[in-house]
N, C-alpha and C. Protein backbone atom coordinates (compact mmCIF):
# COMPACT_ATOMS: atom_id res chain seq x y z
N MET A 1 -95.15 89.99 116.58
CA MET A 1 -93.84 89.61 116.21
C MET A 1 -93.32 89.38 115.45
N ALA A 2 -92.64 90.15 113.82
CA ALA A 2 -92.04 89.67 112.91
C ALA A 2 -91.20 89.53 112.57
N PRO A 3 -90.39 89.07 111.98
CA PRO A 3 -89.14 89.23 111.55
C PRO A 3 -88.03 90.39 111.08
N ARG A 4 -89.36 90.28 109.49
CA ARG A 4 -89.15 91.76 108.86
C ARG A 4 -90.25 92.79 109.10
N ASN A 5 -89.91 94.01 108.81
CA ASN A 5 -90.40 95.01 108.32
C ASN A 5 -92.07 95.19 107.33
N GLU A 6 -91.42 94.37 105.92
CA GLU A 6 -92.48 93.95 104.77
C GLU A 6 -93.59 93.20 105.75
N GLU A 7 -93.19 92.27 106.00
CA GLU A 7 -94.18 91.40 107.10
C GLU A 7 -95.03 92.13 108.34
N VAL A 8 -94.55 93.01 108.54
CA VAL A 8 -95.24 93.79 110.02
C VAL A 8 -96.04 94.87 108.83
N ASP A 9 -95.96 95.37 107.59
CA ASP A 9 -96.00 96.21 107.16
C ASP A 9 -97.18 95.25 106.41
N ALA A 10 -97.49 94.08 105.92
CA ALA A 10 -98.53 93.26 105.79
C ALA A 10 -99.56 92.92 106.65
N ILE A 11 -99.19 92.65 107.72
CA ILE A 11 -100.14 92.59 108.67
C ILE A 11 -100.82 93.94 108.96
N ASN A 12 -100.22 94.81 109.19
CA ASN A 12 -100.45 96.46 109.34
C ASN A 12 -102.07 96.30 108.36
N GLU A 13 -102.12 96.38 106.97
CA GLU A 13 -103.19 96.25 106.40
C GLU A 13 -103.61 95.42 106.29
N LEU A 14 -103.93 94.16 106.43
CA LEU A 14 -105.05 93.70 106.92
C LEU A 14 -105.72 93.72 107.80
N ILE A 15 -105.20 93.95 109.25
CA ILE A 15 -105.55 94.69 110.05
C ILE A 15 -106.48 95.73 109.87
N ILE A 16 -105.44 97.07 109.18
CA ILE A 16 -106.30 98.24 109.09
C ILE A 16 -107.10 98.36 108.34
N ALA A 17 -107.85 97.23 107.56
CA ALA A 17 -108.88 97.03 106.75
C ALA A 17 -109.37 96.06 106.99
N LYS A 18 -109.79 95.71 108.26
CA LYS A 18 -111.03 95.54 108.68
C LYS A 18 -111.62 95.94 109.85
N PHE A 19 -111.16 97.78 109.67
CA PHE A 19 -111.61 97.88 111.17
C PHE A 19 -112.60 98.85 109.87
N PRO A 20 -114.31 99.41 110.18
CA PRO A 20 -114.91 99.99 109.70
C PRO A 20 -114.81 101.72 110.03
N GLY A 21 -115.52 102.42 108.79
CA GLY A 21 -115.56 103.85 108.04
C GLY A 21 -113.95 104.01 107.38
N ASN A 22 -114.09 104.97 106.90
CA ASN A 22 -112.68 105.67 106.40
C ASN A 22 -111.50 105.57 106.97
N THR A 23 -110.72 105.69 106.25
CA THR A 23 -108.91 104.89 106.60
C THR A 23 -108.53 106.41 105.87
N PRO A 24 -107.80 107.64 106.55
CA PRO A 24 -107.10 109.34 105.97
C PRO A 24 -106.00 107.92 106.10
N THR A 25 -105.33 108.51 104.38
CA THR A 25 -103.77 107.97 104.33
C THR A 25 -102.87 109.86 104.68
N TYR A 26 -102.23 109.88 105.14
CA TYR A 26 -100.99 111.10 105.53
C TYR A 26 -99.83 110.12 105.03
N ASN A 27 -99.41 111.25 103.75
CA ASN A 27 -98.07 111.01 103.19
C ASN A 27 -96.78 112.02 103.55
N SER A 28 -95.60 111.52 103.22
CA SER A 28 -94.61 111.89 104.52
C SER A 28 -94.42 112.79 102.93
N PHE A 29 -93.50 114.19 103.87
CA PHE A 29 -92.75 114.75 102.61
C PHE A 29 -90.96 115.12 102.79
N ASP A 30 -90.78 115.34 101.47
CA ASP A 30 -89.67 116.19 101.59
C ASP A 30 -88.70 117.50 100.83
N SER A 31 -89.50 118.38 101.25
CA SER A 31 -89.55 119.50 101.05
C SER A 31 -90.00 120.51 102.14
N ILE A 32 -89.88 121.64 102.01
CA ILE A 32 -90.26 122.90 103.22
C ILE A 32 -90.59 123.79 102.04
N ASP A 33 -91.63 124.48 102.22
CA ASP A 33 -91.85 126.20 102.07
C ASP A 33 -91.59 126.72 102.98
N GLY A 34 -91.92 128.00 102.11
CA GLY A 34 -91.14 128.99 102.62
C GLY A 34 -89.85 129.79 103.17
N GLU A 35 -90.00 130.29 104.40
CA GLU A 35 -88.08 130.76 104.91
C GLU A 35 -87.87 130.35 105.20
N ASP A 36 -88.10 128.73 105.92
CA ASP A 36 -87.37 128.15 106.31
C ASP A 36 -86.31 126.81 104.76
N ALA A 37 -87.34 127.43 103.89
CA ALA A 37 -86.67 126.14 102.68
C ALA A 37 -85.28 126.92 102.22
N THR A 38 -84.53 127.73 102.38
CA THR A 38 -82.93 127.84 102.02
C THR A 38 -82.45 126.98 103.60
N ASN A 39 -83.15 127.22 104.66
CA ASN A 39 -82.23 126.23 105.92
C ASN A 39 -81.79 125.25 105.38
N TYR A 40 -83.26 124.09 105.05
CA TYR A 40 -82.66 122.44 105.56
C TYR A 40 -82.43 122.57 104.08
N LEU A 41 -81.22 121.22 103.73
CA LEU A 41 -81.30 121.16 102.03
C LEU A 41 -82.03 119.68 101.97
N GLN A 42 -82.88 119.42 101.06
CA GLN A 42 -83.15 118.11 100.38
C GLN A 42 -82.39 117.04 100.68
N GLU A 43 -81.06 116.64 100.83
CA GLU A 43 -80.51 115.65 100.83
C GLU A 43 -80.29 115.88 102.38
N PHE A 44 -80.17 116.82 103.42
CA PHE A 44 -80.64 116.72 104.91
C PHE A 44 -81.69 116.26 105.45
N LEU A 45 -82.77 116.41 104.78
CA LEU A 45 -84.19 115.78 104.93
C LEU A 45 -84.66 114.33 104.95
N HIS A 46 -83.88 114.03 103.74
CA HIS A 46 -83.78 112.80 103.56
C HIS A 46 -82.90 111.78 104.34
N THR A 47 -82.20 112.45 105.58
CA THR A 47 -81.34 111.61 106.30
C THR A 47 -82.30 111.38 107.65
N LEU A 48 -83.18 112.10 107.72
CA LEU A 48 -84.15 111.84 109.57
C LEU A 48 -84.42 110.59 109.36
N CYS A 49 -84.96 110.00 108.36
CA CYS A 49 -86.01 108.71 108.30
C CYS A 49 -85.12 108.03 106.90
N GLN A 50 -84.26 106.44 108.30
CA GLN A 50 -83.53 106.35 106.84
C GLN A 50 -84.95 104.61 106.06
N PRO A 51 -84.59 104.58 104.70
CA PRO A 51 -85.28 103.93 103.83
C PRO A 51 -85.65 102.42 104.46
N GLY A 52 -86.95 102.53 104.22
CA GLY A 52 -87.59 101.42 104.96
C GLY A 52 -88.18 101.27 106.42
N ILE A 53 -88.05 101.85 107.48
CA ILE A 53 -87.81 102.38 108.86
C ILE A 53 -89.18 103.12 108.51
N SER A 54 -89.63 104.21 108.14
CA SER A 54 -91.13 104.65 108.47
C SER A 54 -91.45 104.70 106.97
N PRO A 55 -93.01 103.92 106.70
CA PRO A 55 -93.89 104.17 105.82
C PRO A 55 -93.64 105.90 105.07
N HIS A 56 -93.70 105.93 103.90
CA HIS A 56 -94.40 107.46 103.02
C HIS A 56 -95.15 107.48 103.26
N ALA A 57 -96.49 106.48 103.20
CA ALA A 57 -97.46 106.24 103.53
C ALA A 57 -98.36 105.90 105.03
N LEU A 58 -98.74 106.65 105.85
CA LEU A 58 -99.35 106.18 107.15
C LEU A 58 -100.57 106.49 107.22
N ILE A 59 -101.33 104.96 107.20
CA ILE A 59 -102.92 105.15 107.22
C ILE A 59 -103.18 104.41 108.53
N LEU A 60 -104.01 105.27 108.72
CA LEU A 60 -104.61 105.68 110.43
C LEU A 60 -105.84 104.98 109.70
N ASN A 61 -107.10 105.04 111.09
CA ASN A 61 -108.27 104.25 111.32
C ASN A 61 -108.47 105.42 112.53
N PRO A 62 -109.88 105.98 112.71
CA PRO A 62 -110.12 106.44 114.03
C PRO A 62 -110.24 104.98 114.99
N ASN A 63 -110.76 104.23 114.35
CA ASN A 63 -110.49 103.11 115.79
C ASN A 63 -109.28 102.24 115.96
N SER A 64 -108.71 102.10 115.33
CA SER A 64 -107.04 101.71 115.68
C SER A 64 -106.28 102.28 116.65
N GLN A 65 -105.48 101.35 117.21
CA GLN A 65 -104.07 101.92 117.82
C GLN A 65 -102.76 102.37 117.51
N VAL A 66 -102.10 103.35 118.13
CA VAL A 66 -101.33 103.62 117.31
C VAL A 66 -100.16 103.39 118.76
N ILE A 67 -98.95 102.62 118.34
CA ILE A 67 -97.93 102.99 119.60
C ILE A 67 -96.77 103.71 118.40
N LEU A 68 -96.23 105.04 119.46
CA LEU A 68 -95.57 106.10 118.82
C LEU A 68 -94.21 105.90 119.76
N LEU A 69 -93.24 105.65 119.08
CA LEU A 69 -92.19 105.88 119.79
C LEU A 69 -90.82 106.84 119.28
């Protein structure tokens, strides 16, 4: 438990760095290609995740545990 998201992010980075193997990074995006591009405005996509709630870059390791809320 940590009082701030910044501290949680720092702890997570330290723990992920200790796992062996390749750590792929999955980046978020704020645009849609194809036919649905006209249905969703960029302003709407920005409202789906508030700033500071979810990271732009998600670093996962095959040996790490993930909690999905």
